[in-house]
């Protein structure tokens, strides 16, 4: 009788230990890392990589490893956390943004870090902030005298998925996705195995976000995340658990013929996700015809936000974009985004504590925070459009600045704000 070999754990490839980081140009080194992704995308013979770009006199690419991160996926992740800045945000090799990354979205990033820039309009421009100790011993943020580099301004970052507004339209890379193959049997959309369970694309814990962002518009009228058939996929138990841990998302990438296919992209190789990433990173999926692409994009955003909690909680001062209930100029209720200057204590109170790297549950799986019940002091007001009433409920980025600083007294007891007084 021929027996099967003993199955032992296999060491992961060397590139699984390499990451590419995104840095914020407006914060000092040590506090500027926004998030990082593992280098899992192989640079093939027909792929374009940026390994020939030189940083000063030193080549910093990881070309010798032959792996990097898909440029389109990385850039889109950056744009999501900065208020859906699909038309403005860009990556560069230097802090001032003079040496931009100029590459097709299908290219592969191979440097160990990049700077994310979100150009601020002249009206919205605020010079870089510096932490200054107050009389009480805490730190407050004051403008620095350096106001010449617009692209090094400490722009605001959306702190979590709950404060993220779904965009009016999907990014261009999501417009022409090829139809996924159909399996006549209820198999796992990734592995094709039959022992499956149903998984929610947008988790059930995000039902409040689902309602606040009118996601029923994309779900045949299903008012709840629980009963939306467009929000269900089939996975084996292990991929389902890893999806629950926000270790991967389903994103579009171009095949060799230039067609956009939905594939698995891993954002983490820790906590048991490494083996799955080894077998299934860039794996094409099937049986997604009934799943709304808007839900897949929301899941992508949810996975991205699970990676930025350390950015939100570390550092003395941060520019944070939060969503509050407000009233527009016509007297109608509306969700509005405000850019807030928060010190460390305020951020820890709202979004803390820092996650443990041992076996912490990711932010995307935590119970939703009731953010609109808390409003920190020292709020500089930003809102959705100061023009037409419909601008107040726009899903796109429109954080328009005011010249004055608002106080806590301008908020009502439930944390909402009357826009008629802005």
Protein backbone atom coordinates (compact mmCIF):
# COMPACT_ATOMS: atom_id res chain seq x y z
CA UNK A 1 0.00 0.00 0.00
CA UNK A 2 1.34 3.41 -0.96
CA UNK A 3 1.06 5.83 1.93
CA UNK A 4 0.83 9.62 1.77
CA UNK A 5 3.76 11.69 2.96
CA UNK A 6 3.72 13.41 6.32
CA UNK A 7 2.51 17.00 5.96
CA UNK A 8 4.73 19.45 7.79
CA UNK A 9 4.47 23.21 7.89
CA UNK A 10 6.36 24.92 5.10
CA UNK A 11 8.43 28.09 5.54
CA UNK A 12 6.95 31.07 3.78
CA UNK A 13 8.88 32.74 0.94
CA UNK A 14 11.31 35.52 1.85
CA UNK A 15 9.17 38.21 0.24
CA UNK A 16 6.42 37.58 2.81
CA UNK A 17 8.66 39.32 5.34
CA UNK A 18 9.07 42.43 3.16
CA UNK A 19 6.62 45.32 3.32
CA UNK A 20 6.14 48.62 1.52
CA UNK A 21 5.16 51.53 3.74
CA UNK A 22 3.23 54.71 3.01
CA UNK A 23 4.47 57.82 4.83
CA UNK A 24 2.62 61.06 5.56
CA UNK A 25 4.80 64.01 4.45
CA UNK A 26 3.31 66.34 7.07
CA UNK A 27 4.49 64.44 10.15
CA UNK A 28 7.95 63.91 11.59
CA UNK A 29 9.82 60.67 10.99
CA UNK A 30 8.73 58.04 13.45
CA UNK A 31 5.16 59.33 13.46
CA UNK A 32 4.58 59.45 9.71
CA UNK A 33 3.98 55.79 8.80
CA UNK A 34 0.38 55.47 7.64
CA UNK A 35 0.22 51.76 6.83
CA UNK A 36 2.18 49.06 5.02
CA UNK A 37 1.37 46.14 2.73
CA UNK A 38 3.35 42.92 2.20
CA UNK A 39 5.29 42.45 -1.04
CA UNK A 40 3.26 39.63 -2.58
CA UNK A 41 2.91 40.73 -6.22
CA UNK A 42 5.55 39.12 -8.39
CA UNK A 43 7.24 41.25 -11.04
CA UNK A 44 6.78 39.19 -14.18
CA UNK A 45 8.57 39.64 -17.53
CA UNK A 46 5.72 41.78 -18.88
CA UNK A 47 5.14 43.79 -15.71
CA UNK A 48 6.32 47.36 -15.24
CA UNK A 49 8.06 48.12 -11.95
CA UNK A 50 9.69 51.28 -10.60
CA UNK A 51 12.97 49.61 -9.62
CA UNK A 52 14.96 51.89 -11.92
CA UNK A 53 13.91 55.09 -10.14
CA UNK A 54 16.73 56.55 -8.06
CA UNK A 55 16.27 58.33 -4.74
CA UNK A 56 19.11 60.84 -4.76
CA UNK A 57 22.25 58.80 -5.41
CA UNK A 58 20.92 55.61 -3.86
CA UNK A 59 18.72 53.04 -5.53
CA UNK A 60 16.10 51.98 -2.98
CA UNK A 61 14.07 49.51 -5.02
CA UNK A 62 13.46 45.92 -4.05
CA UNK A 63 13.92 44.68 -7.60
CA UNK A 64 16.37 42.03 -6.55
CA UNK A 65 13.54 40.38 -4.63
CA UNK A 66 11.28 40.35 -7.68
CA UNK A 67 8.20 41.24 -5.62
CA UNK A 68 6.29 44.38 -4.73
CA UNK A 69 2.75 45.74 -4.36
CA UNK A 70 0.24 46.38 -7.14
CA UNK A 71 0.30 50.14 -7.73
CA UNK A 72 -3.42 50.53 -8.42
CA UNK A 73 -4.38 48.72 -5.23
CA UNK A 74 -1.93 50.67 -3.08
CA UNK A 75 -2.91 54.06 -4.49
CA UNK A 76 -6.62 53.33 -4.16
CA UNK A 77 -6.13 52.36 -0.51
CA UNK A 78 -4.41 55.71 0.06
CA UNK A 79 -7.21 57.61 -1.66
CA UNK A 80 -9.91 55.88 0.38
CA UNK A 81 -8.46 56.89 3.76
CA UNK A 82 -8.07 60.50 2.61
CA UNK A 83 -11.73 61.11 1.81
CA UNK A 84 -12.06 59.33 -1.55
CA UNK A 85 -9.50 61.66 -3.13
CA UNK A 86 -9.49 59.66 -6.38
CA UNK A 87 -8.62 62.63 -8.59
CA UNK A 88 -6.01 64.36 -6.44
CA UNK A 89 -3.99 62.04 -4.18
CA UNK A 90 -0.69 60.74 -5.54
CA UNK A 91 2.46 58.96 -4.39
CA UNK A 92 6.00 60.27 -4.60
CA UNK A 93 9.53 59.18 -3.76
CA UNK A 94 10.34 62.34 -1.78
CA UNK A 95 8.69 64.20 1.08
CA UNK A 96 8.01 67.38 -0.93
CA UNK A 97 6.31 65.51 -3.75
CA UNK A 98 8.65 66.68 -6.49
CA UNK A 99 9.43 63.16 -7.74
CA UNK A 100 6.02 61.62 -8.39
CA UNK A 101 5.37 57.96 -9.07
CA UNK A 102 4.48 57.94 -12.75
CA UNK A 103 3.32 54.48 -13.65
CA UNK A 104 0.31 52.69 -15.04
CA UNK A 105 -2.09 51.37 -12.40
CA UNK A 106 -1.05 47.86 -13.47
CA UNK A 107 2.54 48.55 -12.42
CA UNK A 108 4.23 47.18 -9.33
CA UNK A 109 5.76 49.30 -6.57
CA UNK A 110 9.13 47.99 -5.38
CA UNK A 111 10.59 50.68 -3.10
CA UNK A 112 10.49 50.24 0.65
CA UNK A 113 8.42 53.41 1.22
CA UNK A 114 6.49 56.15 -0.58
CA UNK A 115 4.98 59.49 0.44
CA UNK A 116 1.26 60.09 0.04
CA UNK A 117 0.29 63.61 -1.01
CA UNK A 118 -3.18 65.16 -1.08
CA UNK A 119 -2.82 68.68 -2.53
CA UNK A 120 -4.82 71.26 -0.61
CA UNK A 121 -6.63 74.07 -2.39
CA UNK A 122 -5.59 77.62 -1.56
CA UNK A 123 -8.82 78.12 0.33
CA UNK A 124 -8.27 74.99 2.39
CA UNK A 125 -4.54 75.38 2.84
CA UNK A 126 -3.32 75.35 6.41
CA UNK A 127 0.38 75.47 7.15
CA UNK A 128 2.02 72.55 8.88
CA UNK A 129 1.06 72.11 12.52
CA UNK A 130 3.53 71.71 15.36
CA UNK A 131 2.78 70.41 18.87
CA UNK A 132 3.19 73.07 21.57
CA UNK A 133 2.80 72.32 25.32
CA UNK A 134 -0.11 74.15 26.93
CA UNK A 135 -0.31 75.48 30.47
CA UNK A 136 -2.02 72.27 31.59
CA UNK A 137 0.87 70.17 30.33
CA UNK A 138 -1.01 68.72 27.34
CA UNK A 139 -0.16 69.54 23.74
CA UNK A 140 -2.05 71.77 21.37
CA UNK A 141 -1.48 72.13 17.63
CA UNK A 142 -0.38 75.46 16.20
CA UNK A 143 0.52 76.43 12.62
CA UNK A 144 4.21 76.44 11.87
CA UNK A 145 5.90 79.28 10.01
CA UNK A 146 6.57 76.98 7.09
CA UNK A 147 3.71 77.58 4.66
CA UNK A 148 5.42 77.15 1.31
CA UNK A 149 5.12 73.40 0.75
CA UNK A 150 1.46 72.73 0.07
CA UNK A 151 2.02 69.01 -0.42
CA UNK A 152 3.59 68.58 3.02
CA UNK A 153 0.51 69.89 4.82
CA UNK A 154 -0.77 67.46 7.48
CA UNK A 155 -3.99 66.70 5.64
CA UNK A 156 -6.83 64.92 7.40
CA UNK A 157 -7.27 61.16 7.42
CA UNK A 158 -10.55 59.35 7.95
CA UNK A 159 -9.99 57.44 11.21
CA UNK A 160 -12.07 54.32 10.61
CA UNK A 161 -14.67 52.69 8.44
CA UNK A 162 -17.54 54.11 10.50
CA UNK A 163 -16.52 57.66 9.54
CA UNK A 164 -15.97 56.83 5.87
CA UNK A 165 -18.59 57.99 3.37
CA UNK A 166 -19.28 55.73 0.41
CA UNK A 167 -18.48 57.61 -2.83
CA UNK A 168 -21.06 58.75 -5.37
CA UNK A 169 -19.37 56.61 -8.01
CA UNK A 170 -16.89 53.76 -7.98
CA UNK A 171 -13.28 54.49 -9.02
CA UNK A 172 -12.54 54.04 -12.71
CA UNK A 173 -10.68 50.76 -12.16
CA UNK A 174 -13.93 49.23 -10.90
CA UNK A 175 -16.04 50.24 -13.90
CA UNK A 176 -15.12 47.52 -16.40
CA UNK A 177 -14.72 44.37 -14.35
CA UNK A 178 -15.13 41.14 -16.30
CA UNK A 179 -17.97 38.83 -15.28
CA UNK A 180 -16.74 36.07 -12.99
CA UNK A 181 -17.14 32.42 -14.04
CA UNK A 182 -20.13 30.56 -12.62
CA UNK A 183 -19.93 27.27 -10.75
CA UNK A 184 -23.18 25.31 -10.85
CA UNK A 185 -22.46 24.02 -7.36
CA UNK A 186 -22.30 26.10 -4.15
CA UNK A 187 -18.52 26.03 -3.91
CA UNK A 188 -16.01 28.33 -2.24
CA UNK A 189 -15.49 31.31 -4.54
CA UNK A 190 -11.72 31.07 -4.00
CA UNK A 191 -10.76 27.39 -3.69
CA UNK A 192 -13.71 25.72 -5.40
CA UNK A 193 -14.10 23.32 -2.45
CA UNK A 194 -17.58 22.23 -1.44
CA UNK A 195 -17.49 22.46 2.37
CA UNK A 196 -18.53 26.11 2.59
CA UNK A 197 -20.38 28.58 4.73
CA UNK A 198 -22.06 31.85 3.87
CA UNK A 199 -20.09 35.01 4.62
CA UNK A 200 -21.20 38.63 4.58
CA UNK A 201 -19.18 40.95 2.35
CA UNK A 202 -20.11 43.91 4.56
CA UNK A 203 -20.15 42.47 8.10
CA UNK A 204 -23.38 42.36 10.05
CA UNK A 205 -21.74 44.55 12.69
CA UNK A 206 -21.71 47.39 10.13
CA UNK A 207 -25.49 47.56 9.78
CA UNK A 208 -25.52 51.16 11.04
CA UNK A 209 -22.92 52.18 8.46
CA UNK A 210 -24.94 50.34 5.78
CA UNK A 211 -28.03 52.36 6.68
CA UNK A 212 -26.25 55.71 7.06
CA UNK A 213 -24.67 55.34 3.61
CA UNK A 214 -27.89 54.22 1.89
CA UNK A 215 -26.32 50.99 0.66
CA UNK A 216 -29.80 49.62 0.05
CA UNK A 217 -29.59 51.61 -3.20
CA UNK A 218 -27.28 48.88 -4.50
CA UNK A 219 -29.08 45.89 -2.98
CA UNK A 220 -32.49 45.55 -4.60
CA UNK A 221 -33.97 47.57 -1.77
CA UNK A 222 -32.70 45.44 1.13
CA UNK A 223 -32.81 47.84 4.06
CA UNK A 224 -30.48 45.83 6.27
CA UNK A 225 -27.05 44.32 5.80
CA UNK A 226 -28.47 41.10 7.27
CA UNK A 227 -31.04 40.37 4.55
CA UNK A 228 -29.20 41.58 1.45
CA UNK A 229 -28.63 38.72 -0.99
CA UNK A 230 -26.16 40.97 -2.83
CA UNK A 231 -23.98 40.92 0.28
CA UNK A 232 -23.37 37.16 0.52
CA UNK A 233 -20.54 34.95 -0.73
CA UNK A 234 -19.54 31.34 -0.06
CA UNK A 235 -16.19 30.52 1.53
CA UNK A 236 -14.56 27.61 3.26
CA UNK A 237 -14.15 27.99 7.01
CA UNK A 238 -10.50 29.09 6.95
CA UNK A 239 -10.90 31.80 4.27
CA UNK A 240 -14.05 32.96 6.03
CA UNK A 241 -12.15 33.41 9.29
CA UNK A 242 -9.32 35.22 7.51
CA UNK A 243 -11.83 37.48 5.76
CA UNK A 244 -13.35 38.20 9.18
CA UNK A 245 -9.86 39.23 10.35
CA UNK A 246 -9.60 41.69 7.42
CA UNK A 247 -6.53 39.93 6.03
CA UNK A 248 -7.65 40.08 2.39
CA UNK A 249 -10.07 41.81 0.05
CA UNK A 250 -11.36 41.22 -3.46
CA UNK A 251 -9.99 43.78 -5.92
CA UNK A 252 -9.76 44.24 -9.70
CA UNK A 253 -6.44 43.59 -11.43
CA UNK A 254 -5.61 43.30 -15.12
CA UNK A 255 -4.84 39.90 -16.65
CA UNK A 256 -2.35 39.36 -19.48
CA UNK A 257 -5.02 40.48 -21.97
CA UNK A 258 -5.68 43.73 -20.13
CA UNK A 259 -9.09 42.71 -18.77
CA UNK A 260 -9.97 43.60 -15.20
CA UNK A 261 -10.55 40.48 -13.11
CA UNK A 262 -11.62 40.23 -9.48
CA UNK A 263 -8.81 38.58 -7.52
CA UNK A 264 -7.84 37.98 -3.91
CA UNK A 265 -5.35 40.52 -2.54
CA UNK A 266 -3.84 39.88 0.89
CA UNK A 267 -3.19 42.85 3.15
CA UNK A 268 -1.61 40.75 5.90
CA UNK A 269 0.38 37.55 6.23
CA UNK A 270 0.22 37.31 10.03
CA UNK A 271 -2.08 35.44 12.41
CA UNK A 272 -2.32 32.41 10.16
CA UNK A 273 -2.97 34.31 6.93
CA UNK A 274 0.46 33.54 5.48
CA UNK A 275 -0.39 30.05 4.24
CA UNK A 276 -3.59 31.27 2.62
CA UNK A 277 -1.71 34.16 1.01
CA UNK A 278 0.88 31.72 -0.37
CA UNK A 279 -1.80 29.68 -2.11
CA UNK A 280 -4.41 32.28 -3.01
CA UNK A 281 -2.89 35.76 -3.42
CA UNK A 282 -3.96 37.06 -6.87
CA UNK A 283 -6.30 34.07 -7.22
CA UNK A 284 -9.21 34.79 -9.57
CA UNK A 285 -12.61 34.14 -8.01
CA UNK A 286 -15.97 32.92 -9.32
CA UNK A 287 -19.69 33.13 -8.55
CA UNK A 288 -19.79 36.88 -7.89
CA UNK A 289 -22.51 37.72 -10.41
CA UNK A 290 -25.05 38.29 -7.64
CA UNK A 291 -22.73 40.40 -5.46
CA UNK A 292 -22.97 44.15 -5.89
CA UNK A 293 -19.55 45.62 -6.84
CA UNK A 294 -20.31 48.48 -4.46
CA UNK A 295 -20.26 45.98 -1.61
CA UNK A 296 -16.91 44.59 -2.74
CA UNK A 297 -15.51 48.11 -2.77
CA UNK A 298 -16.90 48.78 0.69
CA UNK A 299 -15.21 45.60 1.89
CA UNK A 300 -11.95 46.77 0.33
CA UNK A 301 -12.25 50.03 2.29
CA UNK A 302 -13.04 48.13 5.49
CA UNK A 303 -9.88 46.08 5.04
CA UNK A 304 -7.78 49.20 4.46
CA UNK A 305 -9.08 50.94 7.57
CA UNK A 306 -8.10 47.91 9.65
CA UNK A 307 -4.48 48.77 8.82
CA UNK A 308 -4.37 52.43 9.93
CA UNK A 309 -5.30 52.32 13.61
CA UNK A 310 -1.69 52.81 14.71
CA UNK A 311 -1.49 55.94 12.54
CA UNK A 312 -4.62 57.37 14.15
CA UNK A 313 -3.51 56.75 17.74
CA UNK A 314 0.20 57.58 17.60
CA UNK A 315 1.77 61.03 17.51
CA UNK A 316 0.94 64.19 19.43
CA UNK A 317 -1.36 65.83 16.90
CA UNK A 318 -3.41 64.43 14.06
CA UNK A 319 -5.82 65.89 11.52
CA UNK A 320 -8.90 63.64 11.67
CA UNK A 321 -12.01 63.68 9.45
CA UNK A 322 -15.13 62.66 11.35
CA UNK A 323 -18.78 62.32 10.36
CA UNK A 324 -21.44 64.06 12.42
CA UNK A 325 -25.18 64.42 12.19
CA UNK A 326 -26.05 67.96 11.11
CA UNK A 327 -28.71 70.17 9.58
CA UNK A 328 -28.26 71.67 6.14
CA UNK A 329 -29.24 75.17 4.97
CA UNK A 330 -32.77 74.01 4.14
CA UNK A 331 -33.28 72.65 7.64
CA UNK A 332 -33.01 69.01 6.57
CA UNK A 333 -30.90 66.48 8.49
CA UNK A 334 -27.65 65.48 6.79
CA UNK A 335 -24.38 63.68 7.43
CA UNK A 336 -21.47 66.09 7.34
CA UNK A 337 -17.72 65.57 7.50
CA UNK A 338 -15.64 67.78 9.77
CA UNK A 339 -11.87 68.02 9.90
CA UNK A 340 -10.76 67.96 13.53
CA UNK A 341 -7.44 68.62 15.23
CA UNK A 342 -7.09 66.00 17.95
CA UNK A 343 -4.37 65.46 20.50
CA UNK A 344 -3.31 62.00 21.60
CA UNK A 345 -5.70 61.82 24.57
CA UNK A 346 -8.72 62.70 22.45
CA UNK A 347 -7.84 60.07 19.86
CA UNK A 348 -7.24 57.38 22.47
CA UNK A 349 -10.60 58.20 24.01
CA UNK A 350 -12.46 57.86 20.71
CA UNK A 351 -10.51 55.21 18.81
CA UNK A 352 -8.12 53.49 21.28
CA UNK A 353 -6.47 51.53 22.59
CA UNK A 354 -3.60 50.56 20.30
CA UNK A 355 -3.96 47.09 18.85
CA UNK A 356 -1.71 44.30 20.03
CA UNK A 357 0.31 42.57 17.34
CA UNK A 358 -0.05 39.18 19.02
CA UNK A 359 -3.67 38.25 18.39
CA UNK A 360 -5.69 41.40 18.53
CA UNK A 361 -9.01 41.53 16.81
CA UNK A 362 -8.79 43.94 13.85
CA UNK A 363 -10.64 47.21 13.94
CA UNK A 364 -12.99 46.07 11.18
CA UNK A 365 -14.36 43.37 13.47
CA UNK A 366 -14.91 45.52 16.54
CA UNK A 367 -18.31 46.70 17.56
CA UNK A 368 -19.17 50.00 15.95
CA UNK A 369 -18.24 53.04 17.97
CA UNK A 370 -20.89 55.64 18.60
CA UNK A 371 -18.68 58.41 17.24
CA UNK A 372 -21.42 60.94 16.78
CA UNK A 373 -21.95 61.07 20.54
CA UNK A 374 -18.51 62.61 21.17
CA UNK A 375 -17.11 65.88 19.88
CA UNK A 376 -13.64 67.04 20.94
CA UNK A 377 -12.79 70.60 21.71
CA UNK A 378 -10.74 72.66 19.30
CA UNK A 379 -12.73 71.70 16.22
CA UNK A 380 -12.02 73.46 12.93
CA UNK A 381 -15.20 73.12 10.94
CA UNK A 382 -15.27 71.46 7.55
CA UNK A 383 -18.50 70.57 5.76
CA UNK A 384 -19.99 69.11 2.60
CA UNK A 385 -20.33 72.05 0.23
CA UNK A 386 -21.48 75.49 1.24
CA UNK A 387 -23.65 75.85 -1.84
CA UNK A 388 -26.55 73.68 -2.99
CA UNK A 389 -28.46 71.67 -0.35
CA UNK A 390 -27.67 68.36 -2.05
CA UNK A 391 -23.97 69.05 -1.53
CA UNK A 392 -24.41 68.44 2.16
CA UNK A 393 -25.08 64.75 1.60
CA UNK A 394 -22.51 64.24 -1.13
CA UNK A 395 -20.54 61.00 -0.91
CA UNK A 396 -17.45 62.54 -2.49
CA UNK A 397 -14.64 64.36 -0.74
CA UNK A 398 -15.65 67.98 -0.06
CA UNK A 399 -14.07 69.09 3.18
CA UNK A 400 -14.36 72.86 2.75
CA UNK A 401 -12.48 75.01 5.21
CA UNK A 402 -13.56 77.85 7.43
CA UNK A 403 -11.23 80.50 8.79
CA UNK A 404 -12.25 80.16 12.40
CA UNK A 405 -12.02 77.53 15.10
CA UNK A 406 -15.30 76.26 16.52
CA UNK A 407 -15.81 75.43 20.16
CA UNK A 408 -17.55 72.54 21.83
CA UNK A 409 -20.51 74.78 22.67
CA UNK A 410 -21.60 74.83 19.02
CA UNK A 411 -22.44 71.14 19.16
CA UNK A 412 -25.80 69.96 20.38
CA UNK A 413 -26.09 67.40 23.13
CA UNK A 414 -26.17 64.54 20.62
CA UNK A 415 -22.99 65.67 18.85
CA UNK A 416 -24.74 67.10 15.79
CA UNK A 417 -24.10 70.52 14.35
CA UNK A 418 -26.45 73.05 12.81
CA UNK A 419 -24.82 74.07 9.52
CA UNK A 420 -26.84 77.26 9.32
CA UNK A 421 -24.43 78.77 11.84
CA UNK A 422 -21.22 77.70 10.06
